[in-house]
Amino acid sequence: MIKVTAKKFEYSPSTITVKKGVPVVLEFTSLDRLHGFNCPALGIRSDIEPGKTNTVEFTPQKAGKFPFHCDNFCGAGHEEMKGTIIVTE
């Protein structure tokens, strides 16, 4: 399980490395307000609500670098809230 924390205007960690074909569980928490997690290339989408924990399970089927971003507007630095999932062979 990989724990991902969201807060204005960053994810921690902002780079997530996983292996192709190996199931992954992402556990999301927010430290301040509603955020989102969206990685379209891998089909991952979740709301991240303060006071709650959300989990997303997926198995990456292709190697590469895949950007993710917050898709719930969270203020003036919203556009900078992004990161990368790296899938290795």
PDB file of N, CA and C in Angstrom:
ATOM      1  N   MET A   1       0.841  -1.179   0.000  1.00  0.00           N
ATOM      2  CA  MET A   1       0.000   0.000   0.000  1.00  0.00           C
ATOM      3  C   MET A   1       0.886   1.242   0.000  1.00  0.00           C
ATOM      4  N   ILE A   2       0.494   2.202  -0.834  1.00  0.00           N
ATOM      5  CA  ILE A   2       1.219   3.467  -0.919  1.00  0.00           C
ATOM      6  C   ILE A   2       0.305   4.562  -0.387  1.00  0.00           C
ATOM      7  N   LYS A   3       0.748   5.256   0.656  1.00  0.00           N
ATOM      8  CA  LYS A   3      -0.039   6.336   1.248  1.00  0.00           C
ATOM      9  C   LYS A   3       0.281   7.636   0.532  1.00  0.00           C
ATOM     10  N   VAL A   4      -0.764   8.340   0.081  1.00  0.00           N
ATOM     11  CA  VAL A   4      -0.603   9.607  -0.626  1.00  0.00           C
ATOM     12  C   VAL A   4      -1.386  10.662   0.150  1.00  0.00           C
ATOM     13  N   THR A   5      -0.698  11.735   0.534  1.00  0.00           N
ATOM     14  CA  THR A   5      -1.321  12.826   1.265  1.00  0.00           C
ATOM     15  C   THR A   5      -1.471  14.021   0.336  1.00  0.00           C
ATOM     16  N   ALA A   6      -2.635  14.656   0.372  1.00  0.00           N
ATOM     17  CA  ALA A   6      -2.887  15.845  -0.443  1.00  0.00           C
ATOM     18  C   ALA A   6      -3.076  17.049   0.469  1.00  0.00           C
ATOM     19  N   LYS A   7      -2.503  18.187   0.058  1.00  0.00           N
ATOM     20  CA  LYS A   7      -2.738  19.462   0.722  1.00  0.00           C
ATOM     21  C   LYS A   7      -2.444  20.553  -0.288  1.00  0.00           C
ATOM     22  N   LYS A   8      -2.935  21.758  -0.020  1.00  0.00           N
ATOM     23  CA  LYS A   8      -2.668  22.862  -0.944  1.00  0.00           C
ATOM     24  C   LYS A   8      -1.169  23.022  -1.094  1.00  0.00           C
ATOM     25  N   PHE A   9      -0.595  22.987  -2.164  1.00  0.00           N
ATOM     26  CA  PHE A   9      -1.029  22.570  -3.489  1.00  0.00           C
ATOM     27  C   PHE A   9      -0.073  21.484  -3.929  1.00  0.00           C
ATOM     28  N   GLU A  10      -0.042  20.407  -3.162  1.00  0.00           N
ATOM     29  CA  GLU A  10       0.940  19.363  -3.432  1.00  0.00           C
ATOM     30  C   GLU A  10       0.445  17.995  -2.982  1.00  0.00           C
ATOM     31  N   TYR A  11       1.064  16.986  -3.578  1.00  0.00           N
ATOM     32  CA  TYR A  11       0.887  15.609  -3.147  1.00  0.00           C
ATOM     33  C   TYR A  11       2.190  15.162  -2.495  1.00  0.00           C
ATOM     34  N   SER A  12       2.077  14.291  -1.516  1.00  0.00           N
ATOM     35  CA  SER A  12       3.263  13.698  -0.928  1.00  0.00           C
ATOM     36  C   SER A  12       3.022  12.194  -0.824  1.00  0.00           C
ATOM     37  N   PRO A  13       3.782  11.386  -1.529  1.00  0.00           N
ATOM     38  CA  PRO A  13       4.832  11.756  -2.472  1.00  0.00           C
ATOM     39  C   PRO A  13       4.253  12.250  -3.802  1.00  0.00           C
ATOM     40  N   SER A  14       5.045  13.023  -4.527  1.00  0.00           N
ATOM     41  CA  SER A  14       4.585  13.496  -5.838  1.00  0.00           C
ATOM     42  C   SER A  14       5.048  12.578  -6.960  1.00  0.00           C
ATOM     43  N   THR A  15       5.979  11.675  -6.641  1.00  0.00           N
ATOM     44  CA  THR A  15       6.406  10.649  -7.592  1.00  0.00           C
ATOM     45  C   THR A  15       6.161   9.287  -6.952  1.00  0.00           C
ATOM     46  N   ILE A  16       5.408   8.457  -7.655  1.00  0.00           N
ATOM     47  CA  ILE A  16       5.048   7.130  -7.170  1.00  0.00           C
ATOM     48  C   ILE A  16       5.598   6.116  -8.164  1.00  0.00           C
ATOM     49  N   THR A  17       6.427   5.184  -7.675  1.00  0.00           N
ATOM     50  CA  THR A  17       7.018   4.173  -8.555  1.00  0.00           C
ATOM     51  C   THR A  17       6.415   2.809  -8.238  1.00  0.00           C
ATOM     52  N   VAL A  18       5.921   2.147  -9.281  1.00  0.00           N
ATOM     53  CA  VAL A  18       5.298   0.826  -9.146  1.00  0.00           C
ATOM     54  C   VAL A  18       5.804  -0.078 -10.266  1.00  0.00           C
ATOM     55  N   LYS A  19       5.487  -1.373 -10.171  1.00  0.00           N
ATOM     56  CA  LYS A  19       5.924  -2.330 -11.194  1.00  0.00           C
ATOM     57  C   LYS A  19       4.764  -2.756 -12.076  1.00  0.00           C
ATOM     58  N   LYS A  20       5.052  -2.878 -13.354  1.00  0.00           N
ATOM     59  CA  LYS A  20       4.068  -3.363 -14.321  1.00  0.00           C
ATOM     60  C   LYS A  20       3.582  -4.746 -13.921  1.00  0.00           C
ATOM     61  N   GLY A  21       2.258  -4.943 -13.963  1.00  0.00           N
ATOM     62  CA  GLY A  21       1.663  -6.234 -13.680  1.00  0.00           C
ATOM     63  C   GLY A  21       1.505  -6.571 -12.204  1.00  0.00           C
ATOM     64  N   VAL A  22       1.956  -5.686 -11.313  1.00  0.00           N
ATOM     65  CA  VAL A  22       1.857  -5.934  -9.874  1.00  0.00           C
ATOM     66  C   VAL A  22       0.733  -5.065  -9.299  1.00  0.00           C
ATOM     67  N   PRO A  23      -0.263  -5.669  -8.639  1.00  0.00           N
ATOM     68  CA  PRO A  23      -1.371  -4.883  -8.079  1.00  0.00           C
ATOM     69  C   PRO A  23      -0.882  -3.819  -7.088  1.00  0.00           C
ATOM     70  N   VAL A  24      -1.519  -2.663  -7.142  1.00  0.00           N
ATOM     71  CA  VAL A  24      -1.146  -1.519  -6.309  1.00  0.00           C
ATOM     72  C   VAL A  24      -2.394  -1.024  -5.580  1.00  0.00           C
ATOM     73  N   VAL A  25      -2.219  -0.643  -4.317  1.00  0.00           N
ATOM     74  CA  VAL A  25      -3.277   0.027  -3.574  1.00  0.00           C
ATOM     75  C   VAL A  25      -2.753   1.408  -3.188  1.00  0.00           C
ATOM     76  N   LEU A  26      -3.467   2.457  -3.627  1.00  0.00           N
ATOM     77  CA  LEU A  26      -3.156   3.826  -3.220  1.00  0.00           C
ATOM     78  C   LEU A  26      -4.145   4.215  -2.135  1.00  0.00           C
ATOM     79  N   GLU A  27      -3.635   4.757  -1.024  1.00  0.00           N
ATOM     80  CA  GLU A  27      -4.483   5.214   0.079  1.00  0.00           C
ATOM     81  C   GLU A  27      -4.343   6.733   0.171  1.00  0.00           C
ATOM     82  N   PHE A  28      -5.454   7.430  -0.068  1.00  0.00           N
ATOM     83  CA  PHE A  28      -5.442   8.895  -0.124  1.00  0.00           C
ATOM     84  C   PHE A  28      -6.017   9.516   1.138  1.00  0.00           C
ATOM     85  N   THR A  29      -5.359  10.574   1.633  1.00  0.00           N
ATOM     86  CA  THR A  29      -5.907  11.407   2.698  1.00  0.00           C
ATOM     87  C   THR A  29      -5.623  12.868   2.364  1.00  0.00           C
ATOM     88  N   SER A  30      -6.497  13.757   2.842  1.00  0.00           N
ATOM     89  CA  SER A  30      -6.317  15.200   2.644  1.00  0.00           C
ATOM     90  C   SER A  30      -6.058  15.849   3.997  1.00  0.00           C
ATOM     91  N   LEU A  31      -5.115  16.791   4.020  1.00  0.00           N
ATOM     92  CA  LEU A  31      -4.804  17.492   5.263  1.00  0.00           C
ATOM     93  C   LEU A  31      -5.605  18.775   5.430  1.00  0.00           C
ATOM     94  N   ASP A  32      -6.319  19.223   4.364  1.00  0.00           N
ATOM     95  CA  ASP A  32      -6.971  20.516   4.505  1.00  0.00           C
ATOM     96  C   ASP A  32      -8.365  20.632   3.881  1.00  0.00           C
ATOM     97  N   ARG A  33      -8.542  20.219   2.660  1.00  0.00           N
ATOM     98  CA  ARG A  33      -9.813  20.432   1.968  1.00  0.00           C
ATOM     99  C   ARG A  33     -10.008  19.370   0.899  1.00  0.00           C
ATOM    100  N   LEU A  34     -11.109  19.460   0.166  1.00  0.00           N
ATOM    101  CA  LEU A  34     -11.374  18.508  -0.910  1.00  0.00           C
ATOM    102  C   LEU A  34     -10.353  18.680  -2.038  1.00  0.00           C
ATOM    103  N   HIS A  35      -9.742  17.576  -2.405  1.00  0.00           N
ATOM    104  CA  HIS A  35      -8.841  17.521  -3.554  1.00  0.00           C
ATOM    105  C   HIS A  35      -9.301  16.358  -4.426  1.00  0.00           C
ATOM    106  N   GLY A  36      -8.661  16.214  -5.557  1.00  0.00           N
ATOM    107  CA  GLY A  36      -8.917  15.082  -6.428  1.00  0.00           C
ATOM    108  C   GLY A  36      -7.602  14.457  -6.834  1.00  0.00           C
ATOM    109  N   PHE A  37      -7.678  13.238  -7.356  1.00  0.00           N
ATOM    110  CA  PHE A  37      -6.511  12.558  -7.913  1.00  0.00           C
ATOM    111  C   PHE A  37      -6.964  11.970  -9.226  1.00  0.00           C
ATOM    112  N   ASN A  38      -6.332  12.411 -10.308  1.00  0.00           N
ATOM    113  CA  ASN A  38      -6.740  11.951 -11.631  1.00  0.00           C
ATOM    114  C   ASN A  38      -5.503  11.617 -12.459  1.00  0.00           C
ATOM    115  N   CYS A  39      -5.403  10.348 -12.854  1.00  0.00           N
ATOM    116  CA  CYS A  39      -4.340   9.888 -13.752  1.00  0.00           C
ATOM    117  C   CYS A  39      -5.029   9.222 -14.940  1.00  0.00           C
ATOM    118  N   PRO A  40      -5.428  10.036 -15.937  1.00  0.00           N
ATOM    119  CA  PRO A  40      -6.221   9.509 -17.055  1.00  0.00           C
ATOM    120  C   PRO A  40      -5.561   8.350 -17.799  1.00  0.00           C
ATOM    121  N   ALA A  41      -4.249   8.403 -17.978  1.00  0.00           N
ATOM    122  CA  ALA A  41      -3.561   7.370 -18.762  1.00  0.00           C
ATOM    123  C   ALA A  41      -3.648   5.997 -18.116  1.00  0.00           C
ATOM    124  N   LEU A  42      -3.823   5.957 -16.781  1.00  0.00           N
ATOM    125  CA  LEU A  42      -3.928   4.682 -16.079  1.00  0.00           C
ATOM    126  C   LEU A  42      -5.354   4.411 -15.597  1.00  0.00           C
ATOM    127  N   GLY A  43      -6.278   5.321 -15.899  1.00  0.00           N
ATOM    128  CA  GLY A  43      -7.671   5.124 -15.531  1.00  0.00           C
ATOM    129  C   GLY A  43      -7.928   5.221 -14.034  1.00  0.00           C
ATOM    130  N   ILE A  44      -7.146   6.049 -13.337  1.00  0.00           N
ATOM    131  CA  ILE A  44      -7.287   6.195 -11.890  1.00  0.00           C
ATOM    132  C   ILE A  44      -7.938   7.536 -11.586  1.00  0.00           C
ATOM    133  N   ARG A  45      -8.981   7.515 -10.744  1.00  0.00           N
ATOM    134  CA  ARG A  45      -9.675   8.749 -10.367  1.00  0.00           C
ATOM    135  C   ARG A  45     -10.238   8.587  -8.960  1.00  0.00           C
ATOM    136  N   SER A  46     -10.020   9.597  -8.099  1.00  0.00           N
ATOM    137  CA  SER A  46     -10.576   9.553  -6.751  1.00  0.00           C
ATOM    138  C   SER A  46     -10.752  10.962  -6.210  1.00  0.00           C
ATOM    139  N   ASP A  47     -11.824  11.175  -5.448  1.00  0.00           N
ATOM    140  CA  ASP A  47     -11.921  12.364  -4.622  1.00  0.00           C
ATOM    141  C   ASP A  47     -11.121  12.099  -3.355  1.00  0.00           C
ATOM    142  N   ILE A  48     -10.533  13.164  -2.795  1.00  0.00           N
ATOM    143  CA  ILE A  48      -9.779  13.047  -1.549  1.00  0.00           C
ATOM    144  C   ILE A  48     -10.401  14.046  -0.576  1.00  0.00           C
ATOM    145  N   GLU A  49     -11.195  13.527   0.347  1.00  0.00           N
ATOM    146  CA  GLU A  49     -11.931  14.376   1.276  1.00  0.00           C
ATOM    147  C   GLU A  49     -11.230  14.430   2.628  1.00  0.00           C
ATOM    148  N   PRO A  50     -11.191  15.626   3.251  1.00  0.00           N
ATOM    149  CA  PRO A  50     -10.578  15.710   4.578  1.00  0.00           C
ATOM    150  C   PRO A  50     -11.354  14.858   5.577  1.00  0.00           C
ATOM    151  N   GLY A  51     -10.616  14.213   6.474  1.00  0.00           N
ATOM    152  CA  GLY A  51     -11.252  13.382   7.490  1.00  0.00           C
ATOM    153  C   GLY A  51     -11.642  11.999   7.019  1.00  0.00           C
ATOM    154  N   LYS A  52     -11.392  11.695   5.752  1.00  0.00           N
ATOM    155  CA  LYS A  52     -11.720  10.376   5.208  1.00  0.00           C
ATOM    156  C   LYS A  52     -10.490   9.791   4.521  1.00  0.00           C
ATOM    157  N   THR A  53     -10.503   8.482   4.405  1.00  0.00           N
ATOM    158  CA  THR A  53      -9.449   7.790   3.665  1.00  0.00           C
ATOM    159  C   THR A  53     -10.096   7.087   2.485  1.00  0.00           C
ATOM    160  N   ASN A  54      -9.561   7.342   1.295  1.00  0.00           N
ATOM    161  CA  ASN A  54     -10.046   6.670   0.087  1.00  0.00           C
ATOM    162  C   ASN A  54      -8.942   5.763  -0.419  1.00  0.00           C
ATOM    163  N   THR A  55      -9.329   4.596  -0.917  1.00  0.00           N
ATOM    164  CA  THR A  55      -8.340   3.714  -1.524  1.00  0.00           C
ATOM    165  C   THR A  55      -8.733   3.414  -2.963  1.00  0.00           C
ATOM    166  N   VAL A  56      -7.719   3.263  -3.790  1.00  0.00           N
ATOM    167  CA  VAL A  56      -7.897   2.897  -5.193  1.00  0.00           C
ATOM    168  C   VAL A  56      -6.950   1.743  -5.473  1.00  0.00           C
ATOM    169  N   GLU A  57      -7.477   0.697  -6.069  1.00  0.00           N
ATOM    170  CA  GLU A  57      -6.663  -0.449  -6.447  1.00  0.00           C
ATOM    171  C   GLU A  57      -6.562  -0.514  -7.967  1.00  0.00           C
ATOM    172  N   PHE A  58      -5.363  -0.795  -8.456  1.00  0.00           N
ATOM    173  CA  PHE A  58      -5.180  -0.955  -9.895  1.00  0.00           C
ATOM    174  C   PHE A  58      -3.954  -1.815 -10.148  1.00  0.00           C
ATOM    175  N   THR A  59      -3.890  -2.363 -11.343  1.00  0.00           N
ATOM    176  CA  THR A  59      -2.723  -3.127 -11.777  1.00  0.00           C
ATOM    177  C   THR A  59      -2.225  -2.503 -13.073  1.00  0.00           C
ATOM    178  N   PRO A  60      -1.080  -1.814 -13.027  1.00  0.00           N
ATOM    179  CA  PRO A  60      -0.578  -1.170 -14.243  1.00  0.00           C
ATOM    180  C   PRO A  60      -0.214  -2.196 -15.313  1.00  0.00           C
ATOM    181  N   GLN A  61      -0.691  -1.954 -16.523  1.00  0.00           N
ATOM    182  CA  GLN A  61      -0.477  -2.889 -17.624  1.00  0.00           C
ATOM    183  C   GLN A  61       0.566  -2.407 -18.631  1.00  0.00           C
ATOM    184  N   LYS A  62       1.063  -1.185 -18.430  1.00  0.00           N
ATOM    185  CA  LYS A  62       2.072  -0.661 -19.364  1.00  0.00           C
ATOM    186  C   LYS A  62       3.107   0.124 -18.580  1.00  0.00           C
ATOM    187  N   ALA A  63       4.357   0.035 -19.040  1.00  0.00           N
ATOM    188  CA  ALA A  63       5.451   0.759 -18.400  1.00  0.00           C
ATOM    189  C   ALA A  63       5.510   2.177 -18.957  1.00  0.00           C
ATOM    190  N   GLY A  64       6.061   3.093 -18.150  1.00  0.00           N
ATOM    191  CA  GLY A  64       6.229   4.472 -18.595  1.00  0.00           C
ATOM    192  C   GLY A  64       6.019   5.448 -17.456  1.00  0.00           C
ATOM    193  N   LYS A  65       5.961   6.727 -17.826  1.00  0.00           N
ATOM    194  CA  LYS A  65       5.714   7.803 -16.862  1.00  0.00           C
ATOM    195  C   LYS A  65       4.350   8.402 -17.168  1.00  0.00           C
ATOM    196  N   PHE A  66       3.495   8.474 -16.141  1.00  0.00           N
ATOM    197  CA  PHE A  66       2.117   8.907 -16.332  1.00  0.00           C
ATOM    198  C   PHE A  66       1.785  10.036 -15.351  1.00  0.00           C
ATOM    199  N   PRO A  67       1.466  11.219 -15.876  1.00  0.00           N
ATOM    200  CA  PRO A  67       1.179  12.353 -14.999  1.00  0.00           C
ATOM    201  C   PRO A  67      -0.171  12.202 -14.305  1.00  0.00           C
ATOM    202  N   PHE A  68      -0.246  12.738 -13.078  1.00  0.00           N
ATOM    203  CA  PHE A  68      -1.526  12.854 -12.380  1.00  0.00           C
ATOM    204  C   PHE A  68      -1.683  14.282 -11.880  1.00  0.00           C
ATOM    205  N   HIS A  69      -2.923  14.664 -11.580  1.00  0.00           N
ATOM    206  CA  HIS A  69      -3.193  16.034 -11.156  1.00  0.00           C
ATOM    207  C   HIS A  69      -4.450  16.089 -10.293  1.00  0.00           C
ATOM    208  N   CYS A  70      -4.608  17.211  -9.614  1.00  0.00           N
ATOM    209  CA  CYS A  70      -5.823  17.465  -8.839  1.00  0.00           C
ATOM    210  C   CYS A  70      -6.890  17.963  -9.804  1.00  0.00           C
ATOM    211  N   ASP A  71      -8.069  17.344  -9.755  1.00  0.00           N
ATOM    212  CA  ASP A  71      -9.144  17.781 -10.661  1.00  0.00           C
ATOM    213  C   ASP A  71     -10.344  18.355  -9.899  1.00  0.00           C
ATOM    214  N   ASN A  72     -10.112  18.724  -8.631  1.00  0.00           N
ATOM    215  CA  ASN A  72     -11.092  19.504  -7.870  1.00  0.00           C
ATOM    216  C   ASN A  72     -10.430  20.835  -7.555  1.00  0.00           C
ATOM    217  N   PHE A  73     -10.971  21.929  -8.098  1.00  0.00           N
ATOM    218  CA  PHE A  73     -10.325  23.228  -7.929  1.00  0.00           C
ATOM    219  C   PHE A  73     -10.114  23.508  -6.443  1.00  0.00           C
ATOM    220  N   CYS A  74      -8.864  23.810  -6.067  1.00  0.00           N
ATOM    221  CA  CYS A  74      -8.532  23.961  -4.648  1.00  0.00           C
ATOM    222  C   CYS A  74      -7.871  25.293  -4.325  1.00  0.00           C
ATOM    223  N   GLY A  75      -7.923  26.257  -5.240  1.00  0.00           N
ATOM    224  CA  GLY A  75      -7.371  27.569  -4.947  1.00  0.00           C
ATOM    225  C   GLY A  75      -6.352  28.024  -5.972  1.00  0.00           C
ATOM    226  N   ALA A  76      -5.662  29.105  -5.645  1.00  0.00           N
ATOM    227  CA  ALA A  76      -4.792  29.800  -6.593  1.00  0.00           C
ATOM    228  C   ALA A  76      -3.623  28.956  -7.104  1.00  0.00           C
ATOM    229  N   GLY A  77      -3.161  27.961  -6.354  1.00  0.00           N
ATOM    230  CA  GLY A  77      -2.043  27.143  -6.806  1.00  0.00           C
ATOM    231  C   GLY A  77      -2.469  25.807  -7.388  1.00  0.00           C
ATOM    232  N   HIS A  78      -3.759  25.674  -7.655  1.00  0.00           N
ATOM    233  CA  HIS A  78      -4.345  24.407  -8.108  1.00  0.00           C
ATOM    234  C   HIS A  78      -3.613  23.812  -9.315  1.00  0.00           C
ATOM    235  N   GLU A  79      -3.255  24.643 -10.286  1.00  0.00           N
ATOM    236  CA  GLU A  79      -2.637  24.141 -11.523  1.00  0.00           C
ATOM    237  C   GLU A  79      -1.297  23.465 -11.262  1.00  0.00           C
ATOM    238  N   GLU A  80      -0.653  23.799 -10.134  1.00  0.00           N
ATOM    239  CA  GLU A  80       0.652  23.220  -9.825  1.00  0.00           C
ATOM    240  C   GLU A  80       0.555  21.912  -9.044  1.00  0.00           C
ATOM    241  N   MET A  81      -0.651  21.499  -8.714  1.00  0.00           N
ATOM    242  CA  MET A  81      -0.830  20.293  -7.908  1.00  0.00           C
ATOM    243  C   MET A  81      -0.851  19.074  -8.823  1.00  0.00           C
ATOM    244  N   LYS A  82       0.350  18.503  -8.982  1.00  0.00           N
ATOM    245  CA  LYS A  82       0.480  17.387  -9.914  1.00  0.00           C
ATOM    246  C   LYS A  82       1.649  16.514  -9.519  1.00  0.00           C
ATOM    247  N   GLY A  83       1.758  15.380 -10.190  1.00  0.00           N
ATOM    248  CA  GLY A  83       2.844  14.457  -9.932  1.00  0.00           C
ATOM    249  C   GLY A  83       2.929  13.421 -11.037  1.00  0.00           C
ATOM    250  N   THR A  84       3.700  12.361 -10.777  1.00  0.00           N
ATOM    251  CA  THR A  84       3.953  11.337 -11.793  1.00  0.00           C
ATOM    252  C   THR A  84       3.917   9.948 -11.181  1.00  0.00           C
ATOM    253  N   ILE A  85       3.269   9.037 -11.875  1.00  0.00           N
ATOM    254  CA  ILE A  85       3.377   7.618 -11.547  1.00  0.00           C
ATOM    255  C   ILE A  85       4.353   7.008 -12.555  1.00  0.00           C
ATOM    256  N   ILE A  86       5.387   6.380 -12.038  1.00  0.00           N
ATOM    257  CA  ILE A  86       6.384   5.707 -12.879  1.00  0.00           C
ATOM    258  C   ILE A  86       6.138   4.211 -12.776  1.00  0.00           C
ATOM    259  N   VAL A  87       5.870   3.581 -13.916  1.00  0.00           N
ATOM    260  CA  VAL A  87       5.663   2.141 -13.953  1.00  0.00           C
ATOM    261  C   VAL A  87       6.893   1.515 -14.601  1.00  0.00           C
ATOM    262  N   THR A  88       7.579   0.659 -13.835  1.00  0.00           N
ATOM    263  CA  THR A  88       8.782   0.001 -14.338  1.00  0.00           C
ATOM    264  C   THR A  88       8.448  -1.410 -14.809  1.00  0.00           C
ATOM    265  N   GLU A  89       9.314  -1.958 -15.632  1.00  0.00           N
ATOM    266  CA  GLU A  89       9.112  -3.324 -16.146  1.00  0.00           C
ATOM    267  C   GLU A  89       9.311  -4.347 -15.038  1.00  0.00           C
TER     268      GLU A  89
END
